[in-house]
Amino acid sequence: MKGKKLEKIIRILLLFIVMAIVVWAFKAGSFDFMMNNPGDLLYLGGQHIRLVAISSLFAILIAVPLGIIITRPKYKKYDWIVINFANVGQTIPTLAILALIMSYLGLGWQTAVFALWFNSLLPILRNTVAGIESVNRSILDAGEGMGMTRKQILWKLEITNALPIILAGIRTSIVINVGSAALAFLIGGGGLGDLIFTGIAMSDTGIMLSGAIPVIFLAIFLDFILGMFEKVVVSKGIQRNLEAA
């Protein structure tokens, strides 16, 4: 319960911070630029969302199954190789990853998608492994005692109980990805980073905030939507256990 109260306090503080940013942006004239150039904003916003969506989708499709595989007894000995490989994506700065990949794939959105995908793997992979390994052994023993097969134990017990932690990793990865995608502009990947870096180059706070404000709100919006999704797909019993903990 204390954790829930702390989370509510943090959310309220973040709301006040966002409101302060909006007031500052209004005074800086960023809303004037948005109102006068809605087409540019929608176009770049669409590019930004496409970068985040494609890279995040591929990260989920690869990291979650991979995380499940390396928790199996047969492949457990390889988990350190996989996790350390994913660690590289978080250890190396995104700009450095972009530079390295650009030398092979060239400029463009495909390079940005690959770099963002690589950068998104670790939170999802780590949380998938941690979630499955955190499932109480007595639950698995009970499943075996009931005559459940290994596949049934995996899907009905392990993944079901690990789902909140897995979804938390996906949520974290996507929100981080929204901010990282702004760097795609530097290699011709498009996105809202176009406005941010153009504003910086021109020393125009209004243009810069016209890119930064939508990025902030997109991250908050996606975090909210994913939080709601988590409440829908995670069983009520597991949610009550988490709240009690």
C-alpha atoms as a PDB file:
ATOM      1  CA  MET A   1       0.000   0.000   0.000  1.00  0.00           C
ATOM      2  CA  LYS A   2       2.871   2.360   0.784  1.00  0.00           C
ATOM      3  CA  GLY A   3       4.232   1.733  -2.692  1.00  0.00           C
ATOM      4  CA  LYS A   4       0.887   2.705  -4.228  1.00  0.00           C
ATOM      5  CA  LYS A   5       0.749   5.935  -2.215  1.00  0.00           C
ATOM      6  CA  LEU A   6       4.312   6.803  -3.222  1.00  0.00           C
ATOM      7  CA  GLU A   7       3.438   6.120  -6.870  1.00  0.00           C
ATOM      8  CA  LYS A   8       0.431   8.479  -6.644  1.00  0.00           C
ATOM      9  CA  ILE A   9       2.579  11.214  -5.093  1.00  0.00           C
ATOM     10  CA  ILE A  10       5.189  10.831  -7.828  1.00  0.00           C
ATOM     11  CA  ARG A  11       2.486  10.982 -10.508  1.00  0.00           C
ATOM     12  CA  ILE A  12       1.049  14.179  -9.010  1.00  0.00           C
ATOM     13  CA  LEU A  13       4.503  15.762  -8.896  1.00  0.00           C
ATOM     14  CA  LEU A  14       5.112  14.770 -12.505  1.00  0.00           C
ATOM     15  CA  LEU A  15       1.760  16.295 -13.470  1.00  0.00           C
ATOM     16  CA  PHE A  16       2.773  19.605 -11.884  1.00  0.00           C
ATOM     17  CA  ILE A  17       6.123  19.460 -13.691  1.00  0.00           C
ATOM     18  CA  VAL A  18       4.387  18.835 -17.019  1.00  0.00           C
ATOM     19  CA  MET A  19       1.993  21.721 -16.376  1.00  0.00           C
ATOM     20  CA  ALA A  20       4.958  23.978 -15.615  1.00  0.00           C
ATOM     21  CA  ILE A  21       6.625  22.905 -18.873  1.00  0.00           C
ATOM     22  CA  VAL A  22       3.429  23.673 -20.796  1.00  0.00           C
ATOM     23  CA  VAL A  23       3.237  27.189 -19.298  1.00  0.00           C
ATOM     24  CA  TRP A  24       6.903  27.765 -20.108  1.00  0.00           C
ATOM     25  CA  ALA A  25       6.390  26.485 -23.655  1.00  0.00           C
ATOM     26  CA  PHE A  26       3.407  28.806 -24.113  1.00  0.00           C
ATOM     27  CA  LYS A  27       5.464  31.806 -23.022  1.00  0.00           C
ATOM     28  CA  ALA A  28       8.328  30.708 -25.306  1.00  0.00           C
ATOM     29  CA  GLY A  29       5.989  30.786 -28.295  1.00  0.00           C
ATOM     30  CA  SER A  30       6.187  27.085 -29.114  1.00  0.00           C
ATOM     31  CA  PHE A  31       2.413  26.840 -29.382  1.00  0.00           C
ATOM     32  CA  ASP A  32       2.476  29.607 -31.982  1.00  0.00           C
ATOM     33  CA  PHE A  33       4.780  27.493 -34.139  1.00  0.00           C
ATOM     34  CA  MET A  34       2.545  24.451 -33.605  1.00  0.00           C
ATOM     35  CA  MET A  35      -0.583  26.368 -34.589  1.00  0.00           C
ATOM     36  CA  ASN A  36       1.063  27.874 -37.658  1.00  0.00           C
ATOM     37  CA  ASN A  37       2.648  24.607 -38.854  1.00  0.00           C
ATOM     38  CA  PRO A  38       0.219  21.782 -37.996  1.00  0.00           C
ATOM     39  CA  GLY A  39       1.110  19.843 -41.155  1.00  0.00           C
ATOM     40  CA  ASP A  40       4.819  19.695 -40.317  1.00  0.00           C
ATOM     41  CA  LEU A  41       4.064  18.697 -36.738  1.00  0.00           C
ATOM     42  CA  LEU A  42       1.716  15.881 -37.770  1.00  0.00           C
ATOM     43  CA  TYR A  43       4.136  14.608 -40.408  1.00  0.00           C
ATOM     44  CA  LEU A  44       7.138  14.531 -38.070  1.00  0.00           C
ATOM     45  CA  GLY A  45       4.992  13.152 -35.243  1.00  0.00           C
ATOM     46  CA  GLY A  46       3.857  10.329 -37.520  1.00  0.00           C
ATOM     47  CA  GLN A  47       7.465   9.531 -38.385  1.00  0.00           C
ATOM     48  CA  HIS A  48       8.373   9.509 -34.687  1.00  0.00           C
ATOM     49  CA  ILE A  49       5.529   7.146 -33.802  1.00  0.00           C
ATOM     50  CA  ARG A  50       6.463   4.839 -36.688  1.00  0.00           C
ATOM     51  CA  LEU A  51      10.085   4.646 -35.486  1.00  0.00           C
ATOM     52  CA  VAL A  52       8.998   3.817 -31.930  1.00  0.00           C
ATOM     53  CA  ALA A  53       6.305   1.348 -32.999  1.00  0.00           C
ATOM     54  CA  ILE A  54       8.453  -0.686 -35.411  1.00  0.00           C
ATOM     55  CA  SER A  55      11.566  -0.845 -33.211  1.00  0.00           C
ATOM     56  CA  SER A  56       9.553  -1.633 -30.060  1.00  0.00           C
ATOM     57  CA  LEU A  57       7.504  -4.326 -31.800  1.00  0.00           C
ATOM     58  CA  PHE A  58      10.620  -6.113 -33.046  1.00  0.00           C
ATOM     59  CA  ALA A  59      12.222  -5.776 -29.594  1.00  0.00           C
ATOM     60  CA  ILE A  60       9.186  -7.407 -27.950  1.00  0.00           C
ATOM     61  CA  LEU A  61       8.958 -10.186 -30.549  1.00  0.00           C
ATOM     62  CA  ILE A  62      12.624 -11.085 -30.004  1.00  0.00           C
ATOM     63  CA  ALA A  63      13.339 -10.280 -26.340  1.00  0.00           C
ATOM     64  CA  VAL A  64      10.304 -11.977 -24.759  1.00  0.00           C
ATOM     65  CA  PRO A  65      10.705 -15.386 -26.502  1.00  0.00           C
ATOM     66  CA  LEU A  66      14.473 -15.208 -25.988  1.00  0.00           C
ATOM     67  CA  GLY A  67      13.972 -14.460 -22.305  1.00  0.00           C
ATOM     68  CA  ILE A  68      11.646 -17.451 -21.991  1.00  0.00           C
ATOM     69  CA  ILE A  69      14.074 -19.754 -23.795  1.00  0.00           C
ATOM     70  CA  ILE A  70      17.068 -18.933 -21.588  1.00  0.00           C
ATOM     71  CA  THR A  71      15.053 -19.664 -18.433  1.00  0.00           C
ATOM     72  CA  ARG A  72      14.547 -23.265 -19.579  1.00  0.00           C
ATOM     73  CA  PRO A  73      16.914 -25.691 -17.805  1.00  0.00           C
ATOM     74  CA  LYS A  74      18.352 -26.854 -21.148  1.00  0.00           C
ATOM     75  CA  TYR A  75      19.490 -23.334 -22.125  1.00  0.00           C
ATOM     76  CA  LYS A  76      20.030 -21.792 -18.691  1.00  0.00           C
ATOM     77  CA  LYS A  77      23.820 -21.968 -19.081  1.00  0.00           C
ATOM     78  CA  TYR A  78      23.658 -19.525 -22.005  1.00  0.00           C
ATOM     79  CA  ASP A  79      21.711 -16.805 -20.185  1.00  0.00           C
ATOM     80  CA  TRP A  80      24.834 -14.768 -19.338  1.00  0.00           C
ATOM     81  CA  ILE A  81      25.810 -14.585 -23.027  1.00  0.00           C
ATOM     82  CA  VAL A  82      22.382 -13.356 -24.117  1.00  0.00           C
ATOM     83  CA  ILE A  83      21.979 -10.839 -21.288  1.00  0.00           C
ATOM     84  CA  ASN A  84      25.490  -9.449 -21.726  1.00  0.00           C
ATOM     85  CA  PHE A  85      24.836  -9.032 -25.449  1.00  0.00           C
ATOM     86  CA  ALA A  86      21.668  -7.075 -24.650  1.00  0.00           C
ATOM     87  CA  ASN A  87      23.623  -5.093 -22.057  1.00  0.00           C
ATOM     88  CA  VAL A  88      25.741  -3.681 -24.866  1.00  0.00           C
ATOM     89  CA  GLY A  89      22.680  -1.856 -26.198  1.00  0.00           C
ATOM     90  CA  GLN A  90      22.279  -0.027 -22.895  1.00  0.00           C
ATOM     91  CA  THR A  91      25.962   0.462 -22.121  1.00  0.00           C
ATOM     92  CA  ILE A  92      26.910   2.072 -25.438  1.00  0.00           C
ATOM     93  CA  PRO A  93      25.336   5.525 -25.919  1.00  0.00           C
ATOM     94  CA  THR A  94      22.584   5.656 -28.540  1.00  0.00           C
ATOM     95  CA  LEU A  95      24.571   8.139 -30.614  1.00  0.00           C
ATOM     96  CA  ALA A  96      27.517   5.730 -30.747  1.00  0.00           C
ATOM     97  CA  ILE A  97      25.222   2.889 -31.829  1.00  0.00           C
ATOM     98  CA  LEU A  98      23.788   5.104 -34.561  1.00  0.00           C
ATOM     99  CA  ALA A  99      27.298   5.969 -35.774  1.00  0.00           C
ATOM    100  CA  LEU A 100      28.412   2.322 -35.841  1.00  0.00           C
ATOM    101  CA  ILE A 101      25.327   1.036 -37.638  1.00  0.00           C
ATOM    102  CA  MET A 102      25.336   3.980 -40.046  1.00  0.00           C
ATOM    103  CA  SER A 103      28.714   2.861 -41.390  1.00  0.00           C
ATOM    104  CA  TYR A 104      27.111  -0.413 -42.545  1.00  0.00           C
ATOM    105  CA  LEU A 105      23.480   0.466 -43.308  1.00  0.00           C
ATOM    106  CA  GLY A 106      23.978   4.069 -44.341  1.00  0.00           C
ATOM    107  CA  LEU A 107      21.649   6.959 -43.558  1.00  0.00           C
ATOM    108  CA  GLY A 108      17.889   6.667 -43.220  1.00  0.00           C
ATOM    109  CA  TRP A 109      15.073   5.388 -41.056  1.00  0.00           C
ATOM    110  CA  GLN A 110      16.150   1.721 -41.328  1.00  0.00           C
ATOM    111  CA  THR A 111      19.368   2.530 -39.484  1.00  0.00           C
ATOM    112  CA  ALA A 112      17.431   4.402 -36.816  1.00  0.00           C
ATOM    113  CA  VAL A 113      14.982   1.500 -36.387  1.00  0.00           C
ATOM    114  CA  PHE A 114      17.837  -0.988 -35.979  1.00  0.00           C
ATOM    115  CA  ALA A 115      19.626   1.183 -33.399  1.00  0.00           C
ATOM    116  CA  LEU A 116      16.409   1.797 -31.434  1.00  0.00           C
ATOM    117  CA  TRP A 117      15.594  -1.914 -31.546  1.00  0.00           C
ATOM    118  CA  PHE A 118      19.049  -2.802 -30.190  1.00  0.00           C
ATOM    119  CA  ASN A 119      18.698  -0.163 -27.477  1.00  0.00           C
ATOM    120  CA  SER A 120      15.262  -1.492 -26.450  1.00  0.00           C
ATOM    121  CA  LEU A 121      16.167  -5.139 -25.914  1.00  0.00           C
ATOM    122  CA  LEU A 122      17.641  -5.128 -22.403  1.00  0.00           C
ATOM    123  CA  PRO A 123      14.692  -3.908 -20.257  1.00  0.00           C
ATOM    124  CA  ILE A 124      12.332  -6.393 -21.919  1.00  0.00           C
ATOM    125  CA  LEU A 125      14.778  -9.316 -21.853  1.00  0.00           C
ATOM    126  CA  ARG A 126      15.889  -8.669 -18.267  1.00  0.00           C
ATOM    127  CA  ASN A 127      12.338  -8.329 -16.956  1.00  0.00           C
ATOM    128  CA  THR A 128      11.187 -11.447 -18.801  1.00  0.00           C
ATOM    129  CA  VAL A 129      13.948 -13.491 -17.177  1.00  0.00           C
ATOM    130  CA  ALA A 130      13.457 -11.876 -13.747  1.00  0.00           C
ATOM    131  CA  GLY A 131       9.688 -12.330 -13.915  1.00  0.00           C
ATOM    132  CA  ILE A 132       9.820 -16.022 -14.746  1.00  0.00           C
ATOM    133  CA  GLU A 133      12.553 -16.727 -12.205  1.00  0.00           C
ATOM    134  CA  SER A 134      10.591 -14.914  -9.485  1.00  0.00           C
ATOM    135  CA  VAL A 135       7.615 -17.281  -9.712  1.00  0.00           C
ATOM    136  CA  ASN A 136       7.251 -19.142  -6.428  1.00  0.00           C
ATOM    137  CA  ARG A 137       8.541 -22.691  -6.719  1.00  0.00           C
ATOM    138  CA  SER A 138       5.588 -24.008  -4.691  1.00  0.00           C
ATOM    139  CA  ILE A 139       3.232 -22.854  -7.467  1.00  0.00           C
ATOM    140  CA  LEU A 140       5.194 -24.847 -10.029  1.00  0.00           C
ATOM    141  CA  ASP A 141       5.293 -27.890  -7.740  1.00  0.00           C
ATOM    142  CA  ALA A 142       1.529 -27.674  -7.343  1.00  0.00           C
ATOM    143  CA  GLY A 143       1.157 -27.626 -11.134  1.00  0.00           C
ATOM    144  CA  GLU A 144       3.359 -30.702 -11.480  1.00  0.00           C
ATOM    145  CA  GLY A 145       1.361 -32.422  -8.753  1.00  0.00           C
ATOM    146  CA  MET A 146      -1.826 -31.783 -10.724  1.00  0.00           C
ATOM    147  CA  GLY A 147      -0.309 -33.516 -13.748  1.00  0.00           C
ATOM    148  CA  MET A 148       0.278 -30.412 -15.866  1.00  0.00           C
ATOM    149  CA  THR A 149       2.726 -30.724 -18.749  1.00  0.00           C
ATOM    150  CA  ARG A 150       5.802 -28.484 -19.063  1.00  0.00           C
ATOM    151  CA  LYS A 151       4.051 -26.359 -21.691  1.00  0.00           C
ATOM    152  CA  GLN A 152       1.004 -25.950 -19.465  1.00  0.00           C
ATOM    153  CA  ILE A 153       3.191 -24.958 -16.522  1.00  0.00           C
ATOM    154  CA  LEU A 154       5.005 -22.430 -18.696  1.00  0.00           C
ATOM    155  CA  TRP A 155       1.915 -20.776 -20.181  1.00  0.00           C
ATOM    156  CA  LYS A 156      -0.572 -21.117 -17.333  1.00  0.00           C
ATOM    157  CA  LEU A 157       1.708 -20.647 -14.322  1.00  0.00           C
ATOM    158  CA  GLU A 158       5.100 -19.126 -15.148  1.00  0.00           C
ATOM    159  CA  ILE A 159       4.142 -16.576 -17.803  1.00  0.00           C
ATOM    160  CA  THR A 160       0.830 -15.725 -16.125  1.00  0.00           C
ATOM    161  CA  ASN A 161       2.535 -14.927 -12.821  1.00  0.00           C
ATOM    162  CA  ALA A 162       5.495 -13.213 -14.490  1.00  0.00           C
ATOM    163  CA  LEU A 163       3.278 -11.069 -16.733  1.00  0.00           C
ATOM    164  CA  PRO A 164       3.296  -7.915 -14.528  1.00  0.00           C
ATOM    165  CA  ILE A 165       7.107  -7.825 -14.502  1.00  0.00           C
ATOM    166  CA  ILE A 166       7.340  -8.580 -18.240  1.00  0.00           C
ATOM    167  CA  LEU A 167       4.862  -5.812 -19.054  1.00  0.00           C
ATOM    168  CA  ALA A 168       6.753  -3.413 -16.787  1.00  0.00           C
ATOM    169  CA  GLY A 169       9.886  -4.079 -18.845  1.00  0.00           C
ATOM    170  CA  ILE A 170       8.012  -3.490 -22.099  1.00  0.00           C
ATOM    171  CA  ARG A 171       6.512  -0.294 -20.696  1.00  0.00           C
ATOM    172  CA  THR A 172       9.899   1.019 -19.597  1.00  0.00           C
ATOM    173  CA  SER A 173      11.501   0.115 -22.914  1.00  0.00           C
ATOM    174  CA  ILE A 174       8.839   1.884 -25.004  1.00  0.00           C
ATOM    175  CA  VAL A 175       8.898   5.068 -22.905  1.00  0.00           C
ATOM    176  CA  ILE A 176      12.713   5.247 -23.158  1.00  0.00           C
ATOM    177  CA  ASN A 177      12.421   4.557 -26.873  1.00  0.00           C
ATOM    178  CA  VAL A 178      10.195   7.616 -27.365  1.00  0.00           C
ATOM    179  CA  GLY A 179      12.984   9.871 -26.108  1.00  0.00           C
ATOM    180  CA  SER A 180      15.777   8.038 -27.922  1.00  0.00           C
ATOM    181  CA  ALA A 181      13.910   8.237 -31.230  1.00  0.00           C
ATOM    182  CA  ALA A 182      14.511  12.002 -31.283  1.00  0.00           C
ATOM    183  CA  LEU A 183      18.151  11.229 -32.175  1.00  0.00           C
ATOM    184  CA  ALA A 184      17.039   9.563 -35.408  1.00  0.00           C
ATOM    185  CA  PHE A 185      17.008  12.972 -37.081  1.00  0.00           C
ATOM    186  CA  LEU A 186      20.811  13.067 -36.926  1.00  0.00           C
ATOM    187  CA  ILE A 187      21.074  10.221 -39.445  1.00  0.00           C
ATOM    188  CA  GLY A 188      18.124  11.171 -41.623  1.00  0.00           C
ATOM    189  CA  GLY A 189      15.600   9.019 -39.778  1.00  0.00           C
ATOM    190  CA  GLY A 190      13.095  11.830 -39.346  1.00  0.00           C
ATOM    191  CA  GLY A 191      10.865  12.272 -36.325  1.00  0.00           C
ATOM    192  CA  LEU A 192      10.295  15.081 -33.864  1.00  0.00           C
ATOM    193  CA  GLY A 193      14.041  15.383 -33.347  1.00  0.00           C
ATOM    194  CA  ASP A 194      13.952  17.453 -36.546  1.00  0.00           C
ATOM    195  CA  LEU A 195      12.267  20.305 -34.669  1.00  0.00           C
ATOM    196  CA  ILE A 196      14.355  19.841 -31.517  1.00  0.00           C
ATOM    197  CA  PHE A 197      17.733  20.011 -33.254  1.00  0.00           C
ATOM    198  CA  THR A 198      16.605  22.695 -35.708  1.00  0.00           C
ATOM    199  CA  GLY A 199      15.521  24.819 -32.756  1.00  0.00           C
ATOM    200  CA  ILE A 200      18.864  24.253 -31.037  1.00  0.00           C
ATOM    201  CA  ALA A 201      20.811  25.140 -34.201  1.00  0.00           C
ATOM    202  CA  MET A 202      18.770  28.322 -34.692  1.00  0.00           C
ATOM    203  CA  SER A 203      18.724  29.187 -30.969  1.00  0.00           C
ATOM    204  CA  ASP A 204      14.921  29.255 -31.269  1.00  0.00           C
ATOM    205  CA  THR A 205      13.316  27.961 -28.081  1.00  0.00           C
ATOM    206  CA  GLY A 206       9.851  27.944 -29.665  1.00  0.00           C
ATOM    207  CA  ILE A 207      10.836  25.553 -32.464  1.00  0.00           C
ATOM    208  CA  MET A 208      12.829  23.374 -30.073  1.00  0.00           C
ATOM    209  CA  LEU A 209       9.901  23.032 -27.673  1.00  0.00           C
ATOM    210  CA  SER A 210       7.565  22.322 -30.595  1.00  0.00           C
ATOM    211  CA  GLY A 211       9.458  19.048 -30.912  1.00  0.00           C
ATOM    212  CA  ALA A 212      10.224  18.445 -27.241  1.00  0.00           C
ATOM    213  CA  ILE A 213       6.686  19.006 -25.895  1.00  0.00           C
ATOM    214  CA  PRO A 214       5.053  16.378 -28.187  1.00  0.00           C
ATOM    215  CA  VAL A 215       7.815  13.896 -27.271  1.00  0.00           C
ATOM    216  CA  ILE A 216       7.102  14.419 -23.568  1.00  0.00           C
ATOM    217  CA  PHE A 217       3.355  14.051 -23.997  1.00  0.00           C
ATOM    218  CA  LEU A 218       3.756  11.018 -26.254  1.00  0.00           C
ATOM    219  CA  ALA A 219       5.866   9.300 -23.580  1.00  0.00           C
ATOM    220  CA  ILE A 220       3.314  10.142 -20.862  1.00  0.00           C
ATOM    221  CA  PHE A 221       0.403   9.022 -23.051  1.00  0.00           C
ATOM    222  CA  LEU A 222       2.012   5.688 -23.930  1.00  0.00           C
ATOM    223  CA  ASP A 223       2.944   5.086 -20.289  1.00  0.00           C
ATOM    224  CA  PHE A 224      -0.693   5.694 -19.301  1.00  0.00           C
ATOM    225  CA  ILE A 225      -2.095   3.461 -22.065  1.00  0.00           C
ATOM    226  CA  LEU A 226       0.330   0.636 -21.263  1.00  0.00           C
ATOM    227  CA  GLY A 227      -0.538   0.956 -17.577  1.00  0.00           C
ATOM    228  CA  MET A 228      -4.234   0.551 -18.424  1.00  0.00           C
ATOM    229  CA  PHE A 229      -3.418  -2.396 -20.689  1.00  0.00           C
ATOM    230  CA  GLU A 230      -1.512  -4.036 -17.847  1.00  0.00           C
ATOM    231  CA  LYS A 231      -4.557  -3.784 -15.570  1.00  0.00           C
ATOM    232  CA  VAL A 232      -6.712  -5.423 -18.224  1.00  0.00           C
ATOM    233  CA  VAL A 233      -4.479  -8.408 -19.086  1.00  0.00           C
ATOM    234  CA  VAL A 234      -3.108  -9.199 -15.606  1.00  0.00           C
ATOM    235  CA  SER A 235      -5.513 -11.263 -13.519  1.00  0.00           C
ATOM    236  CA  LYS A 236      -7.197  -9.575 -10.562  1.00  0.00           C
ATOM    237  CA  GLY A 237      -5.741 -12.130  -8.160  1.00  0.00           C
ATOM    238  CA  ILE A 238      -2.175 -11.364  -9.176  1.00  0.00           C
ATOM    239  CA  GLN A 239      -2.906  -7.636  -8.972  1.00  0.00           C
ATOM    240  CA  ARG A 240      -4.200  -8.043  -5.412  1.00  0.00           C
ATOM    241  CA  ASN A 241      -1.087 -10.011  -4.461  1.00  0.00           C
ATOM    242  CA  LEU A 242       1.133  -7.243  -5.849  1.00  0.00           C
ATOM    243  CA  GLU A 243      -0.812  -4.564  -3.966  1.00  0.00           C
ATOM    244  CA  ALA A 244      -0.592  -6.584  -0.757  1.00  0.00           C
ATOM    245  CA  ALA A 245       3.168  -6.966  -1.206  1.00  0.00           C
END
